[in-house]
Amino acid sequence: MLSNDSAAPSLDARRRKLVFRCWHRGTREMDLLLGRFIDAHAAAMSDDEVEALEYLIAAPDPELFGWITGGKAVPANYDTPMLEAIRAYHRDNPAAKTT
């Protein structure tokens, strides 16, 4: 008999899905912000980090864009180390900027 764990997608499959979801947000700005971040970090992301990013990108684009760029206050449930990692990536990597 198969365990329930065998039905769960592998970490690599979840990473690949995240890469697609981060590059296909619907707005070019969000594609660039999230896509560049995920390209730089996907291969090394742990299961917990993948889960944290999956949770974060479930937020609407206008909200998420504001949180990443600092234009909107971040609700406590989204003020996570993952959000800070995305912010830090763009702050510390000028070549990753969207403009």
N, C-alpha and C. Protein backbone atom coordinates (compact mmCIF):
# COMPACT_ATOMS: atom_id res chain seq x y z
N MET A 1 0.84 -1.19 0.00
CA MET A 1 0.00 0.00 0.00
C MET A 1 0.88 1.25 0.00
N LEU A 2 0.52 2.23 -0.80
CA LEU A 2 1.29 3.47 -0.87
C LEU A 2 0.93 4.40 0.26
N SER A 3 1.92 5.09 0.77
CA SER A 3 1.66 6.09 1.81
C SER A 3 1.17 7.38 1.15
N ASN A 4 0.59 8.25 1.93
CA ASN A 4 0.12 9.54 1.43
C ASN A 4 1.27 10.40 0.94
N ASP A 5 2.46 10.18 1.50
CA ASP A 5 3.61 10.99 1.12
C ASP A 5 3.99 10.77 -0.34
N SER A 6 3.75 9.58 -0.89
CA SER A 6 4.14 9.30 -2.26
C SER A 6 3.31 10.11 -3.26
N ALA A 7 2.13 10.57 -2.85
CA ALA A 7 1.28 11.36 -3.73
C ALA A 7 1.69 12.83 -3.75
N ALA A 8 2.46 13.24 -2.77
CA ALA A 8 2.89 14.64 -2.69
C ALA A 8 3.95 14.90 -3.75
N PRO A 9 3.89 16.08 -4.37
CA PRO A 9 4.91 16.41 -5.37
C PRO A 9 6.29 16.50 -4.73
N SER A 10 7.30 16.11 -5.48
CA SER A 10 8.66 16.19 -4.96
C SER A 10 9.07 17.65 -4.82
N LEU A 11 10.11 17.86 -4.04
CA LEU A 11 10.61 19.22 -3.84
C LEU A 11 11.07 19.82 -5.17
N ASP A 12 11.71 19.01 -6.01
CA ASP A 12 12.15 19.53 -7.31
C ASP A 12 10.96 19.94 -8.17
N ALA A 13 9.89 19.17 -8.15
CA ALA A 13 8.69 19.53 -8.92
C ALA A 13 8.08 20.82 -8.40
N ARG A 14 8.06 20.98 -7.08
CA ARG A 14 7.53 22.21 -6.49
C ARG A 14 8.40 23.40 -6.86
N ARG A 15 9.70 23.22 -6.89
CA ARG A 15 10.61 24.30 -7.29
C ARG A 15 10.35 24.70 -8.74
N ARG A 16 10.21 23.71 -9.63
CA ARG A 16 9.94 24.02 -11.04
C ARG A 16 8.63 24.76 -11.21
N LYS A 17 7.63 24.36 -10.46
CA LYS A 17 6.33 25.04 -10.52
C LYS A 17 6.47 26.48 -10.02
N LEU A 18 7.26 26.68 -8.97
CA LEU A 18 7.48 28.04 -8.45
C LEU A 18 8.19 28.91 -9.49
N VAL A 19 9.15 28.36 -10.19
CA VAL A 19 9.85 29.13 -11.22
C VAL A 19 8.83 29.60 -12.25
N PHE A 20 7.98 28.71 -12.69
CA PHE A 20 6.97 29.10 -13.67
C PHE A 20 6.03 30.17 -13.10
N ARG A 21 5.54 29.94 -11.89
CA ARG A 21 4.59 30.88 -11.28
C ARG A 21 5.23 32.24 -11.03
N CYS A 22 6.50 32.28 -10.69
CA CYS A 22 7.16 33.56 -10.44
C CYS A 22 7.42 34.33 -11.73
N TRP A 23 7.62 33.63 -12.84
CA TRP A 23 7.87 34.30 -14.11
C TRP A 23 6.60 34.60 -14.89
N HIS A 24 5.46 34.11 -14.42
CA HIS A 24 4.19 34.30 -15.13
C HIS A 24 3.13 34.86 -14.19
N ARG A 25 3.40 36.05 -13.64
CA ARG A 25 2.51 36.67 -12.67
C ARG A 25 1.38 37.46 -13.32
N GLY A 26 1.62 37.99 -14.49
CA GLY A 26 0.59 38.80 -15.13
C GLY A 26 1.02 40.23 -15.36
N THR A 27 2.00 40.68 -14.60
CA THR A 27 2.57 42.01 -14.85
C THR A 27 4.08 41.86 -15.00
N ARG A 28 4.63 42.63 -15.90
CA ARG A 28 6.07 42.53 -16.17
C ARG A 28 6.90 42.84 -14.92
N GLU A 29 6.47 43.82 -14.15
CA GLU A 29 7.22 44.19 -12.94
C GLU A 29 7.30 43.02 -11.97
N MET A 30 6.18 42.35 -11.76
CA MET A 30 6.19 41.23 -10.83
C MET A 30 6.95 40.04 -11.40
N ASP A 31 6.83 39.82 -12.71
CA ASP A 31 7.62 38.76 -13.35
C ASP A 31 9.10 38.98 -13.07
N LEU A 32 9.55 40.22 -13.23
CA LEU A 32 10.96 40.52 -13.03
C LEU A 32 11.37 40.43 -11.56
N LEU A 33 10.56 40.97 -10.68
CA LEU A 33 10.90 40.92 -9.25
C LEU A 33 10.99 39.48 -8.74
N LEU A 34 9.97 38.70 -9.02
CA LEU A 34 9.94 37.34 -8.50
C LEU A 34 10.75 36.38 -9.36
N GLY A 35 10.71 36.56 -10.67
CA GLY A 35 11.43 35.66 -11.55
C GLY A 35 12.93 35.70 -11.34
N ARG A 36 13.47 36.88 -11.23
CA ARG A 36 14.91 36.99 -11.01
C ARG A 36 15.31 36.42 -9.65
N PHE A 37 14.46 36.66 -8.65
CA PHE A 37 14.74 36.10 -7.33
C PHE A 37 14.73 34.58 -7.37
N ILE A 38 13.70 34.00 -7.98
CA ILE A 38 13.59 32.53 -7.97
C ILE A 38 14.70 31.91 -8.82
N ASP A 39 15.07 32.54 -9.91
CA ASP A 39 16.18 32.00 -10.72
C ASP A 39 17.46 31.91 -9.90
N ALA A 40 17.68 32.88 -9.05
CA ALA A 40 18.89 32.91 -8.23
C ALA A 40 18.84 31.96 -7.04
N HIS A 41 17.64 31.58 -6.59
CA HIS A 41 17.54 30.84 -5.34
C HIS A 41 16.85 29.48 -5.42
N ALA A 42 16.16 29.16 -6.47
CA ALA A 42 15.34 27.94 -6.51
C ALA A 42 16.12 26.68 -6.19
N ALA A 43 17.27 26.52 -6.78
CA ALA A 43 18.02 25.27 -6.63
C ALA A 43 18.40 24.97 -5.19
N ALA A 44 18.59 26.00 -4.39
CA ALA A 44 19.03 25.80 -3.01
C ALA A 44 17.91 25.90 -1.98
N MET A 45 16.69 26.15 -2.44
CA MET A 45 15.59 26.36 -1.48
C MET A 45 15.18 25.05 -0.80
N SER A 46 15.01 25.15 0.52
CA SER A 46 14.54 24.02 1.31
C SER A 46 13.02 23.88 1.15
N ASP A 47 12.50 22.80 1.66
CA ASP A 47 11.06 22.58 1.63
C ASP A 47 10.32 23.71 2.35
N ASP A 48 10.84 24.14 3.50
CA ASP A 48 10.22 25.23 4.25
C ASP A 48 10.26 26.54 3.47
N GLU A 49 11.36 26.80 2.77
CA GLU A 49 11.46 28.02 1.98
C GLU A 49 10.52 27.99 0.78
N VAL A 50 10.40 26.84 0.15
CA VAL A 50 9.45 26.68 -0.96
C VAL A 50 8.04 26.95 -0.45
N GLU A 51 7.71 26.38 0.68
CA GLU A 51 6.38 26.58 1.26
C GLU A 51 6.14 28.06 1.59
N ALA A 52 7.15 28.72 2.12
CA ALA A 52 7.02 30.14 2.46
C ALA A 52 6.79 30.99 1.21
N LEU A 53 7.50 30.68 0.13
CA LEU A 53 7.32 31.44 -1.10
C LEU A 53 5.96 31.13 -1.74
N GLU A 54 5.55 29.89 -1.68
CA GLU A 54 4.22 29.53 -2.20
C GLU A 54 3.14 30.33 -1.47
N TYR A 55 3.27 30.46 -0.17
CA TYR A 55 2.31 31.23 0.61
C TYR A 55 2.34 32.70 0.21
N LEU A 56 3.53 33.25 0.09
CA LEU A 56 3.69 34.67 -0.22
C LEU A 56 3.12 35.01 -1.59
N ILE A 57 3.39 34.20 -2.59
CA ILE A 57 2.94 34.55 -3.94
C ILE A 57 1.46 34.27 -4.16
N ALA A 58 0.79 33.75 -3.17
CA ALA A 58 -0.66 33.61 -3.26
C ALA A 58 -1.35 34.95 -3.05
N ALA A 59 -0.62 35.93 -2.54
CA ALA A 59 -1.16 37.28 -2.33
C ALA A 59 -1.36 37.96 -3.69
N PRO A 60 -2.30 38.88 -3.77
CA PRO A 60 -2.52 39.61 -5.02
C PRO A 60 -1.29 40.44 -5.43
N ASP A 61 -1.04 40.50 -6.74
CA ASP A 61 0.13 41.22 -7.26
C ASP A 61 0.25 42.66 -6.76
N PRO A 62 -0.82 43.46 -6.77
CA PRO A 62 -0.65 44.85 -6.33
C PRO A 62 -0.18 44.95 -4.87
N GLU A 63 -0.69 44.06 -4.03
CA GLU A 63 -0.26 44.06 -2.63
C GLU A 63 1.20 43.62 -2.53
N LEU A 64 1.51 42.51 -3.16
CA LEU A 64 2.86 41.96 -3.09
C LEU A 64 3.89 42.94 -3.65
N PHE A 65 3.57 43.59 -4.75
CA PHE A 65 4.46 44.58 -5.32
C PHE A 65 4.73 45.70 -4.31
N GLY A 66 3.69 46.19 -3.67
CA GLY A 66 3.84 47.23 -2.67
C GLY A 66 4.68 46.80 -1.48
N TRP A 67 4.52 45.57 -1.06
CA TRP A 67 5.30 45.07 0.07
C TRP A 67 6.77 44.94 -0.30
N ILE A 68 7.04 44.43 -1.51
CA ILE A 68 8.43 44.25 -1.93
C ILE A 68 9.12 45.59 -2.11
N THR A 69 8.43 46.54 -2.71
CA THR A 69 9.06 47.83 -3.01
C THR A 69 8.99 48.80 -1.84
N GLY A 70 8.24 48.47 -0.81
CA GLY A 70 8.13 49.34 0.35
C GLY A 70 7.03 50.37 0.24
N GLY A 71 6.21 50.28 -0.78
CA GLY A 71 5.14 51.24 -0.98
C GLY A 71 3.89 50.99 -0.16
N LYS A 72 3.80 49.82 0.43
CA LYS A 72 2.63 49.47 1.26
C LYS A 72 3.09 48.81 2.54
N ALA A 73 2.32 49.04 3.58
CA ALA A 73 2.59 48.37 4.86
C ALA A 73 2.34 46.87 4.70
N VAL A 74 3.16 46.08 5.32
CA VAL A 74 3.06 44.62 5.21
C VAL A 74 2.25 44.08 6.39
N PRO A 75 1.18 43.35 6.12
CA PRO A 75 0.44 42.71 7.21
C PRO A 75 1.35 41.71 7.94
N ALA A 76 1.11 41.54 9.20
CA ALA A 76 1.98 40.68 10.02
C ALA A 76 2.11 39.27 9.45
N ASN A 77 1.04 38.72 8.90
CA ASN A 77 1.12 37.34 8.41
C ASN A 77 1.95 37.21 7.12
N TYR A 78 2.27 38.32 6.47
CA TYR A 78 3.12 38.29 5.29
C TYR A 78 4.51 38.87 5.55
N ASP A 79 4.73 39.42 6.73
CA ASP A 79 6.02 39.99 7.08
C ASP A 79 6.94 38.86 7.53
N THR A 80 7.47 38.15 6.54
CA THR A 80 8.19 36.91 6.78
C THR A 80 9.65 37.02 6.34
N PRO A 81 10.47 36.08 6.78
CA PRO A 81 11.85 36.06 6.30
C PRO A 81 11.93 35.93 4.77
N MET A 82 10.97 35.25 4.15
CA MET A 82 10.98 35.12 2.70
C MET A 82 10.77 36.47 2.02
N LEU A 83 9.83 37.26 2.52
CA LEU A 83 9.63 38.59 1.96
C LEU A 83 10.89 39.42 2.12
N GLU A 84 11.51 39.34 3.27
CA GLU A 84 12.75 40.09 3.49
C GLU A 84 13.86 39.59 2.57
N ALA A 85 13.90 38.29 2.30
CA ALA A 85 14.92 37.75 1.39
C ALA A 85 14.73 38.31 -0.02
N ILE A 86 13.49 38.44 -0.47
CA ILE A 86 13.22 39.01 -1.79
C ILE A 86 13.62 40.47 -1.82
N ARG A 87 13.27 41.20 -0.78
CA ARG A 87 13.65 42.61 -0.69
C ARG A 87 15.17 42.76 -0.71
N ALA A 88 15.85 41.96 0.11
CA ALA A 88 17.30 42.03 0.21
C ALA A 88 17.96 41.67 -1.11
N TYR A 89 17.43 40.69 -1.81
CA TYR A 89 17.99 40.31 -3.11
C TYR A 89 18.00 41.50 -4.06
N HIS A 90 16.89 42.20 -4.13
CA HIS A 90 16.81 43.33 -5.05
C HIS A 90 17.58 44.55 -4.55
N ARG A 91 17.68 44.69 -3.26
CA ARG A 91 18.45 45.80 -2.70
C ARG A 91 19.95 45.57 -2.90
N ASP A 92 20.40 44.31 -2.77
CA ASP A 92 21.81 43.98 -2.82
C ASP A 92 22.32 43.62 -4.22
N ASN A 93 21.43 43.50 -5.18
CA ASN A 93 21.81 43.12 -6.55
C ASN A 93 21.27 44.15 -7.53
N PRO A 94 21.97 45.24 -7.72
CA PRO A 94 21.48 46.30 -8.60
C PRO A 94 21.14 45.81 -10.00
N ALA A 95 21.81 44.79 -10.49
CA ALA A 95 21.53 44.27 -11.83
C ALA A 95 20.17 43.59 -11.89
N ALA A 96 19.57 43.26 -10.74
CA ALA A 96 18.29 42.58 -10.70
C ALA A 96 17.12 43.56 -10.66
N LYS A 97 17.41 44.83 -10.67
CA LYS A 97 16.33 45.83 -10.62
C LYS A 97 15.47 45.73 -11.86
N THR A 98 14.20 46.14 -11.72
CA THR A 98 13.25 46.01 -12.82
C THR A 98 13.37 47.11 -13.85
N THR A 99 14.01 48.20 -13.53
CA THR A 99 14.11 49.30 -14.49
C THR A 99 15.53 49.56 -14.90
